[in-house]
C-alpha atoms as a PDB file:
ATOM      1  CA  MET A   1      22.210  61.243  28.050  1.00  0.00           C
ATOM      2  CA  ASN A   2      19.575  59.280  30.233  1.00  0.00           C
ATOM      3  CA  ILE A   3      18.930  55.747  28.605  1.00  0.00           C
ATOM      4  CA  LYS A   4      15.965  55.232  30.676  1.00  0.00           C
ATOM      5  CA  ARG A   5      14.156  58.139  29.168  1.00  0.00           C
ATOM      6  CA  ASN A   6      15.199  57.424  25.470  1.00  0.00           C
ATOM      7  CA  PRO A   7      12.560  55.236  23.918  1.00  0.00           C
ATOM      8  CA  ILE A   8      14.678  54.376  20.796  1.00  0.00           C
ATOM      9  CA  LEU A   9      17.635  52.884  22.945  1.00  0.00           C
ATOM     10  CA  LEU A  10      15.104  50.868  25.018  1.00  0.00           C
ATOM     11  CA  VAL A  11      13.700  49.218  21.766  1.00  0.00           C
ATOM     12  CA  VAL A  12      17.231  48.450  20.416  1.00  0.00           C
ATOM     13  CA  GLY A  13      18.318  46.996  23.757  1.00  0.00           C
ATOM     14  CA  PHE A  14      15.188  44.849  23.908  1.00  0.00           C
ATOM     15  CA  VAL A  15      15.811  43.613  20.278  1.00  0.00           C
ATOM     16  CA  ILE A  16      19.331  42.650  21.237  1.00  0.00           C
ATOM     17  CA  MET A  17      18.479  40.769  24.477  1.00  0.00           C
ATOM     18  CA  LEU A  18      15.666  39.041  22.649  1.00  0.00           C
ATOM     19  CA  GLY A  19      18.348  37.914  19.890  1.00  0.00           C
ATOM     20  CA  PHE A  20      20.620  36.561  22.529  1.00  0.00           C
ATOM     21  CA  GLY A  21      17.775  34.576  24.028  1.00  0.00           C
ATOM     22  CA  LEU A  22      16.666  32.940  20.799  1.00  0.00           C
ATOM     23  CA  GLN A  23      20.241  32.011  20.002  1.00  0.00           C
ATOM     24  CA  ALA A  24      20.581  30.386  23.382  1.00  0.00           C
ATOM     25  CA  GLN A  25      17.302  28.634  23.070  1.00  0.00           C
ATOM     26  CA  GLN A  26      17.672  27.351  19.424  1.00  0.00           C
ATOM     27  CA  PRO A  27      20.060  24.390  19.885  1.00  0.00           C
ATOM     28  CA  VAL A  28      17.796  23.006  22.694  1.00  0.00           C
ATOM     29  CA  THR A  29      14.657  23.401  20.367  1.00  0.00           C
ATOM     30  CA  GLN A  30      16.392  21.668  17.414  1.00  0.00           C
ATOM     31  CA  GLY A  31      17.729  18.997  19.759  1.00  0.00           C
ATOM     32  CA  ARG A  32      14.290  18.455  20.985  1.00  0.00           C
ATOM     33  CA  GLN A  33      12.792  18.316  17.436  1.00  0.00           C
ATOM     34  CA  MET A  34      15.619  15.748  16.485  1.00  0.00           C
ATOM     35  CA  ASP A  35      14.786  13.575  19.385  1.00  0.00           C
ATOM     36  CA  TYR A  36      10.928  13.742  18.588  1.00  0.00           C
ATOM     37  CA  GLU A  37      11.527  12.758  14.996  1.00  0.00           C
ATOM     38  CA  SER A  38      13.951   9.797  15.970  1.00  0.00           C
ATOM     39  CA  LYS A  39      11.306   8.620  18.376  1.00  0.00           C
ATOM     40  CA  LEU A  40       8.701   8.829  15.608  1.00  0.00           C
ATOM     41  CA  ASP A  41      10.966   6.708  13.229  1.00  0.00           C
ATOM     42  CA  SER A  42      11.717   4.084  15.846  1.00  0.00           C
ATOM     43  CA  VAL A  43       8.014   3.471  16.568  1.00  0.00           C
ATOM     44  CA  ARG A  44       6.930   3.146  12.875  1.00  0.00           C
ATOM     45  CA  SER A  45       3.920   0.972  12.543  1.00  0.00           C
ATOM     46  CA  TYR A  46       1.109   0.068  10.163  1.00  0.00           C
ATOM     47  CA  ALA A  47      -1.385  -0.374  13.064  1.00  0.00           C
ATOM     48  CA  ASP A  48      -3.563   2.539  12.079  1.00  0.00           C
ATOM     49  CA  TYR A  49      -4.284   0.835   8.719  1.00  0.00           C
ATOM     50  CA  PHE A  50      -4.028  -3.087   9.247  1.00  0.00           C
ATOM     51  CA  THR A  51      -4.536  -5.649  11.743  1.00  0.00           C
ATOM     52  CA  PRO A  52      -3.273  -9.260  11.629  1.00  0.00           C
ATOM     53  CA  ALA A  53      -5.450 -11.581   9.909  1.00  0.00           C
ATOM     54  CA  THR A  54      -6.937 -14.308  11.847  1.00  0.00           C
ATOM     55  CA  ASN A  55      -9.159 -17.402  11.334  1.00  0.00           C
ATOM     56  CA  LYS A  56     -12.334 -15.453  12.080  1.00  0.00           C
ATOM     57  CA  LYS A  57     -14.553 -15.497   9.216  1.00  0.00           C
ATOM     58  CA  MET A  58     -14.429 -12.361   7.039  1.00  0.00           C
ATOM     59  CA  THR A  59     -16.667 -11.133   4.255  1.00  0.00           C
ATOM     60  CA  PRO A  60     -16.436  -8.231   1.728  1.00  0.00           C
ATOM     61  CA  ASP A  61     -17.298  -5.063   3.440  1.00  0.00           C
ATOM     62  CA  ALA A  62     -20.542  -3.150   2.754  1.00  0.00           C
ATOM     63  CA  ASP A  63     -19.460  -1.933  -0.503  1.00  0.00           C
ATOM     64  CA  GLY A  64     -18.142  -5.273  -1.468  1.00  0.00           C
ATOM     65  CA  PHE A  65     -14.371  -4.502  -1.200  1.00  0.00           C
ATOM     66  CA  ILE A  66     -11.822  -7.216  -0.162  1.00  0.00           C
ATOM     67  CA  ARG A  67      -9.848  -6.227   2.847  1.00  0.00           C
ATOM     68  CA  ARG A  68      -7.877  -9.562   3.602  1.00  0.00           C
ATOM     69  CA  TRP A  69      -4.612 -10.047   1.825  1.00  0.00           C
ATOM     70  CA  THR A  70      -1.249 -11.471   2.136  1.00  0.00           C
ATOM     71  CA  LEU A  71       1.225  -9.009   1.160  1.00  0.00           C
ATOM     72  CA  LEU A  72       4.884  -9.492   0.357  1.00  0.00           C
ATOM     73  CA  GLU A  73       7.505  -6.824   1.421  1.00  0.00           C
ATOM     74  CA  PRO A  74       8.324  -4.545  -1.356  1.00  0.00           C
ATOM     75  CA  ILE A  75      10.664  -5.775  -4.008  1.00  0.00           C
ATOM     76  CA  SER A  76      13.211  -3.003  -5.071  1.00  0.00           C
ATOM     77  CA  LYS A  77      12.335  -1.735  -8.798  1.00  0.00           C
ATOM     78  CA  PRO A  78      13.873   1.817  -9.205  1.00  0.00           C
ATOM     79  CA  ASN A  79      11.686   4.252 -11.307  1.00  0.00           C
ATOM     80  CA  ARG A  80      11.980   7.994 -11.444  1.00  0.00           C
ATOM     81  CA  SER A  81       8.799   8.256 -13.027  1.00  0.00           C
ATOM     82  CA  ASN A  82       5.487   6.365 -13.411  1.00  0.00           C
ATOM     83  CA  THR A  83       5.163   7.612 -17.038  1.00  0.00           C
ATOM     84  CA  VAL A  84       7.143   4.625 -18.070  1.00  0.00           C
ATOM     85  CA  PHE A  85       4.547   2.216 -17.054  1.00  0.00           C
ATOM     86  CA  THR A  86       3.144   1.213 -20.746  1.00  0.00           C
ATOM     87  CA  ASP A  87       1.396  -1.932 -21.451  1.00  0.00           C
ATOM     88  CA  SER A  88       4.719  -3.485 -22.857  1.00  0.00           C
ATOM     89  CA  TYR A  89       6.879  -2.401 -19.919  1.00  0.00           C
ATOM     90  CA  LEU A  90       4.451  -3.739 -17.386  1.00  0.00           C
ATOM     91  CA  ARG A  91       4.094  -7.172 -18.999  1.00  0.00           C
ATOM     92  CA  LYS A  92       7.866  -7.578 -19.443  1.00  0.00           C
ATOM     93  CA  THR A  93       8.392  -6.349 -15.708  1.00  0.00           C
ATOM     94  CA  PHE A  94       5.505  -8.451 -14.294  1.00  0.00           C
ATOM     95  CA  ASP A  95       6.429 -11.544 -16.306  1.00  0.00           C
ATOM     96  CA  THR A  96       9.973 -11.439 -14.778  1.00  0.00           C
ATOM     97  CA  LEU A  97      10.530 -14.248 -12.215  1.00  0.00           C
ATOM     98  CA  TYR A  98      11.268 -12.480  -8.913  1.00  0.00           C
ATOM     99  CA  PHE A  99      10.946 -15.501  -6.570  1.00  0.00           C
ATOM    100  CA  ALA A 100      10.070 -19.252  -6.698  1.00  0.00           C
ATOM    101  CA  ASN A 101       6.501 -20.293  -7.531  1.00  0.00           C
ATOM    102  CA  GLN A 102       5.703 -16.526  -8.067  1.00  0.00           C
ATOM    103  CA  PHE A 103       2.504 -17.327 -10.106  1.00  0.00           C
ATOM    104  CA  THR A 104       1.459 -20.378  -8.137  1.00  0.00           C
ATOM    105  CA  VAL A 105       2.376 -19.914  -4.394  1.00  0.00           C
ATOM    106  CA  LEU A 106      -0.350 -19.456  -2.029  1.00  0.00           C
ATOM    107  CA  PRO A 107       1.746 -17.745   0.739  1.00  0.00           C
ATOM    108  CA  LYS A 108       1.314 -18.244   4.538  1.00  0.00           C
ATOM    109  CA  ASN A 109       1.914 -15.599   6.998  1.00  0.00           C
ATOM    110  CA  GLY A 110       5.604 -15.273   8.110  1.00  0.00           C
ATOM    111  CA  GLU A 111       6.897 -17.382   5.116  1.00  0.00           C
ATOM    112  CA  LYS A 112       9.963 -15.898   3.413  1.00  0.00           C
ATOM    113  CA  VAL A 113      11.095 -15.835  -0.248  1.00  0.00           C
ATOM    114  CA  LYS A 114      14.573 -15.046  -1.768  1.00  0.00           C
ATOM    115  CA  VAL A 115      14.516 -12.168  -4.215  1.00  0.00           C
ATOM    116  CA  GLY A 116      18.152 -11.652  -5.423  1.00  0.00           C
ATOM    117  CA  GLU A 117      20.103 -10.873  -2.142  1.00  0.00           C
ATOM    118  CA  GLN A 118      17.093  -9.828  -0.288  1.00  0.00           C
ATOM    119  CA  GLU A 119      15.013 -12.026   1.853  1.00  0.00           C
ATOM    120  CA  LEU A 120      11.310 -10.836   2.013  1.00  0.00           C
ATOM    121  CA  MET A 121       8.413 -11.826   4.207  1.00  0.00           C
ATOM    122  CA  TRP A 122       4.767 -12.419   3.551  1.00  0.00           C
ATOM    123  CA  HIS A 123       2.278 -10.605   5.970  1.00  0.00           C
ATOM    124  CA  ALA A 124      -1.356 -11.726   6.218  1.00  0.00           C
ATOM    125  CA  LEU A 125      -3.155  -8.552   7.118  1.00  0.00           C
ATOM    126  CA  ASP A 126      -6.685  -7.126   7.209  1.00  0.00           C
ATOM    127  CA  SER A 127      -7.003  -3.645   5.976  1.00  0.00           C
ATOM    128  CA  LYS A 128      -9.083  -1.250   8.203  1.00  0.00           C
ATOM    129  CA  ILE A 129     -10.325   0.517   5.116  1.00  0.00           C
ATOM    130  CA  TYR A 130     -11.500  -0.251   1.756  1.00  0.00           C
ATOM    131  CA  ASN A 131      -8.197   0.503   0.053  1.00  0.00           C
ATOM    132  CA  THR A 132      -5.073  -1.319   0.989  1.00  0.00           C
ATOM    133  CA  LYS A 133      -2.371   1.180   1.963  1.00  0.00           C
ATOM    134  CA  LEU A 134       0.734  -0.413   0.477  1.00  0.00           C
ATOM    135  CA  PHE A 135       2.834   2.722   1.296  1.00  0.00           C
ATOM    136  CA  ARG A 136       1.724   2.643   4.830  1.00  0.00           C
ATOM    137  CA  PHE A 137       2.706  -1.144   4.942  1.00  0.00           C
ATOM    138  CA  ALA A 138       6.120  -0.673   3.664  1.00  0.00           C
ATOM    139  CA  TYR A 139       6.757   2.434   5.801  1.00  0.00           C
ATOM    140  CA  GLY A 140       5.715   0.696   9.028  1.00  0.00           C
ATOM    141  CA  LEU A 141       8.050  -2.133   8.318  1.00  0.00           C
ATOM    142  CA  LYS A 142      10.892   0.311   7.630  1.00  0.00           C
ATOM    143  CA  LYS A 143      11.046  -0.979   3.992  1.00  0.00           C
ATOM    144  CA  PRO A 144      11.554   0.863   0.763  1.00  0.00           C
ATOM    145  CA  ILE A 145       8.519   2.981  -0.034  1.00  0.00           C
ATOM    146  CA  TYR A 146       9.503   4.231  -3.501  1.00  0.00           C
ATOM    147  CA  GLY A 147      10.660   2.378  -6.649  1.00  0.00           C
ATOM    148  CA  VAL A 148       9.049  -0.752  -5.467  1.00  0.00           C
ATOM    149  CA  ILE A 149       6.821  -3.825  -6.679  1.00  0.00           C
ATOM    150  CA  PHE A 150       4.277  -5.170  -4.214  1.00  0.00           C
ATOM    151  CA  TRP A 151       2.756  -8.683  -4.696  1.00  0.00           C
ATOM    152  CA  ALA A 152      -0.824  -9.383  -2.969  1.00  0.00           C
ATOM    153  CA  VAL A 153      -2.689 -12.649  -2.894  1.00  0.00           C
ATOM    154  CA  THR A 154      -6.032 -13.472  -1.313  1.00  0.00           C
ATOM    155  CA  VAL A 155      -8.619 -16.392  -1.544  1.00  0.00           C
ATOM    156  CA  VAL A 156     -12.138 -15.728  -2.384  1.00  0.00           C
ATOM    157  CA  ASN A 157     -14.552 -18.368  -1.482  1.00  0.00           C
ATOM    158  CA  ALA A 158     -17.886 -18.786  -3.337  1.00  0.00           C
ATOM    159  CA  PRO A 159     -20.909 -20.546  -2.062  1.00  0.00           C
ATOM    160  CA  GLN A 160     -21.905 -21.511  -5.512  1.00  0.00           C
ATOM    161  CA  GLU A 161     -20.545 -20.880  -9.095  1.00  0.00           C
ATOM    162  CA  MET A 162     -21.035 -17.148 -10.041  1.00  0.00           C
ATOM    163  CA  LYS A 163     -21.103 -16.405 -13.785  1.00  0.00           C
ATOM    164  CA  ASN A 164     -20.671 -13.153 -15.472  1.00  0.00           C
ATOM    165  CA  VAL A 165     -18.940 -11.328 -12.576  1.00  0.00           C
ATOM    166  CA  ARG A 166     -16.334  -8.573 -13.081  1.00  0.00           C
ATOM    167  CA  MET A 167     -13.219  -7.719 -11.187  1.00  0.00           C
ATOM    168  CA  ALA A 168     -13.207  -4.031 -10.621  1.00  0.00           C
ATOM    169  CA  VAL A 169      -9.688  -2.530  -9.546  1.00  0.00           C
ATOM    170  CA  GLY A 170      -8.176   0.671  -8.579  1.00  0.00           C
ATOM    171  CA  SER A 171      -4.513   1.132  -7.832  1.00  0.00           C
ATOM    172  CA  ASN A 172      -1.753   3.569  -7.408  1.00  0.00           C
ATOM    173  CA  SER A 173       0.379   3.547  -9.557  1.00  0.00           C
ATOM    174  CA  ALA A 174       0.090   0.628 -12.275  1.00  0.00           C
ATOM    175  CA  SER A 175      -0.795  -2.915 -11.425  1.00  0.00           C
ATOM    176  CA  MET A 176      -1.931  -6.530 -12.948  1.00  0.00           C
ATOM    177  CA  TRP A 177      -4.428  -8.824 -11.505  1.00  0.00           C
ATOM    178  CA  TRP A 178      -5.048 -12.381 -11.976  1.00  0.00           C
ATOM    179  CA  LEU A 179      -8.194 -14.739 -10.999  1.00  0.00           C
ATOM    180  CA  ASN A 180      -7.288 -18.526 -10.824  1.00  0.00           C
ATOM    181  CA  ARG A 181      -4.038 -17.838 -12.852  1.00  0.00           C
ATOM    182  CA  GLU A 182      -5.881 -16.126 -15.600  1.00  0.00           C
ATOM    183  CA  GLU A 183      -5.370 -12.459 -16.408  1.00  0.00           C
ATOM    184  CA  ALA A 184      -8.197 -10.333 -15.273  1.00  0.00           C
ATOM    185  CA  VAL A 185      -7.262  -6.741 -15.249  1.00  0.00           C
ATOM    186  CA  LEU A 186      -4.185  -4.571 -16.322  1.00  0.00           C
ATOM    187  CA  LEU A 187      -3.985  -0.824 -15.303  1.00  0.00           C
ATOM    188  CA  SER A 188      -1.090   1.000 -16.984  1.00  0.00           C
ATOM    189  CA  GLY A 189       0.316   4.494 -16.864  1.00  0.00           C
ATOM    190  CA  ASP A 190       0.627   6.918 -14.101  1.00  0.00           C
ATOM    191  CA  ARG A 191      -2.677   6.782 -12.286  1.00  0.00           C
ATOM    192  CA  ARG A 192      -4.181   7.661  -8.943  1.00  0.00           C
ATOM    193  CA  MET A 193      -6.143   5.032  -6.806  1.00  0.00           C
ATOM    194  CA  VAL A 194      -9.768   5.439  -8.005  1.00  0.00           C
ATOM    195  CA  MET A 195     -12.243   2.634  -7.105  1.00  0.00           C
ATOM    196  CA  ASP A 196     -13.485   0.663 -10.133  1.00  0.00           C
ATOM    197  CA  ASP A 197     -10.943   2.400 -12.285  1.00  0.00           C
ATOM    198  CA  ALA A 198     -10.655  -0.645 -14.510  1.00  0.00           C
ATOM    199  CA  VAL A 199     -13.178  -3.345 -14.823  1.00  0.00           C
ATOM    200  CA  SER A 200     -12.312  -6.995 -16.228  1.00  0.00           C
ATOM    201  CA  PRO A 201     -14.218  -8.689 -18.888  1.00  0.00           C
ATOM    202  CA  ARG A 202     -16.906 -11.442 -17.556  1.00  0.00           C
ATOM    203  CA  LEU A 203     -15.507 -13.862 -15.306  1.00  0.00           C
ATOM    204  CA  THR A 204     -16.746 -16.904 -13.468  1.00  0.00           C
ATOM    205  CA  LEU A 205     -16.240 -17.446  -9.847  1.00  0.00           C
ATOM    206  CA  LYS A 206     -16.060 -21.252  -9.316  1.00  0.00           C
ATOM    207  CA  LYS A 207     -17.900 -22.875  -6.304  1.00  0.00           C
ATOM    208  CA  GLY A 208     -15.321 -22.969  -3.399  1.00  0.00           C
ATOM    209  CA  LYS A 209     -11.799 -21.507  -3.635  1.00  0.00           C
ATOM    210  CA  ASN A 210     -10.755 -18.862  -6.089  1.00  0.00           C
ATOM    211  CA  ILE A 211      -7.307 -17.290  -5.964  1.00  0.00           C
ATOM    212  CA  VAL A 212      -6.844 -13.555  -6.673  1.00  0.00           C
ATOM    213  CA  ARG A 213      -3.208 -12.332  -7.258  1.00  0.00           C
ATOM    214  CA  GLY A 214      -2.055  -8.940  -8.037  1.00  0.00           C
ATOM    215  CA  VAL A 215       0.866  -6.959  -8.415  1.00  0.00           C
ATOM    216  CA  VAL A 216       1.378  -3.057  -7.967  1.00  0.00           C
ATOM    217  CA  ILE A 217       4.417  -1.061  -9.188  1.00  0.00           C
ATOM    218  CA  ASN A 218       5.154   2.346  -8.172  1.00  0.00           C
ATOM    219  CA  GLY A 219       8.014   4.938  -8.723  1.00  0.00           C
ATOM    220  CA  PRO A 220       7.553   8.065  -6.698  1.00  0.00           C
ATOM    221  CA  GLY A 221       4.523   8.743  -4.585  1.00  0.00           C
ATOM    222  CA  MET A 222       1.979   6.829  -2.721  1.00  0.00           C
ATOM    223  CA  SER A 223       0.940   3.223  -3.325  1.00  0.00           C
ATOM    224  CA  ASP A 224      -2.386   1.438  -2.582  1.00  0.00           C
ATOM    225  CA  PHE A 225      -5.222  -0.469  -4.301  1.00  0.00           C
ATOM    226  CA  CYS A 226      -8.779  -1.739  -3.856  1.00  0.00           C
ATOM    227  CA  VAL A 227     -10.595  -4.828  -5.481  1.00  0.00           C
ATOM    228  CA  ARG A 228     -14.134  -6.001  -5.373  1.00  0.00           C
ATOM    229  CA  PHE A 229     -16.318  -8.157  -7.820  1.00  0.00           C
ATOM    230  CA  LEU A 230     -19.316  -6.645  -9.461  1.00  0.00           C
ATOM    231  CA  ASP A 231     -22.450  -8.654 -10.691  1.00  0.00           C
ATOM    232  CA  GLU A 232     -24.227  -8.186 -14.164  1.00  0.00           C
ATOM    233  CA  LYS A 233     -26.047  -5.238 -12.760  1.00  0.00           C
ATOM    234  CA  GLY A 234     -23.025  -3.723 -11.594  1.00  0.00           C
ATOM    235  CA  GLU A 235     -23.688  -4.171  -7.788  1.00  0.00           C
ATOM    236  CA  PRO A 236     -21.069  -5.489  -5.401  1.00  0.00           C
ATOM    237  CA  VAL A 237     -20.775  -9.147  -5.016  1.00  0.00           C
ATOM    238  CA  LYS A 238     -20.880  -9.730  -1.061  1.00  0.00           C
ATOM    239  CA  ASP A 239     -21.912 -13.462  -0.606  1.00  0.00           C
ATOM    240  CA  LEU A 240     -18.303 -14.420  -0.414  1.00  0.00           C
ATOM    241  CA  THR A 241     -15.886 -15.383   2.301  1.00  0.00           C
ATOM    242  CA  ILE A 242     -12.251 -14.249   2.324  1.00  0.00           C
ATOM    243  CA  THR A 243      -9.394 -16.388   3.707  1.00  0.00           C
ATOM    244  CA  CYS A 244      -5.587 -16.377   3.447  1.00  0.00           C
ATOM    245  CA  GLU A 245      -5.387 -20.101   2.474  1.00  0.00           C
END
């Protein structure tokens, strides 16, 4: 039998040779993929989402969102689901003292706090987009990204007293926010980040320094938030300067 003239045998032979070729190549391909993934992991960064905060004057963006925040590295708080984030659960969790001067500290970039056996650092950052990407912040620092609590602080400076403004917040997942140590907004339940998802009662921004403090908790999934102030007409308040201290 002449193999060269038998098309069936030719096809079978080609398939067998191709199989050997793929088997020989596979370990190399897998090795390259592992090297690539390892390289990606070693260069983790939040640079696509944040820049270090400076002394340069910053105001709310065109839509009034506050983009300058001092963020604490995530505190471990395991939760398999976000459905447990009821009002009572959140109040108990957020009232827990995790670190010294938790509700009064005006942190500086690079300062560290002790949380149990962990030593966590504050980072003063400017978000490149209107919503502050906490997931990307933690991922870039090679910190836990799920089952965590984030603390955020900023200073809003008003040129004069502003009455009857409202704090408008969106967060993923649940969060709680204070203005000058007074509770302003509580967002409970399993929710996605939507701008102005919850709006506070009428508040007063005093002339000069006003401290905004927030805490965001998340189990699985992404974590982020956005905050702005609205006037009596529902328009964003932009006549403000934002600082870290």
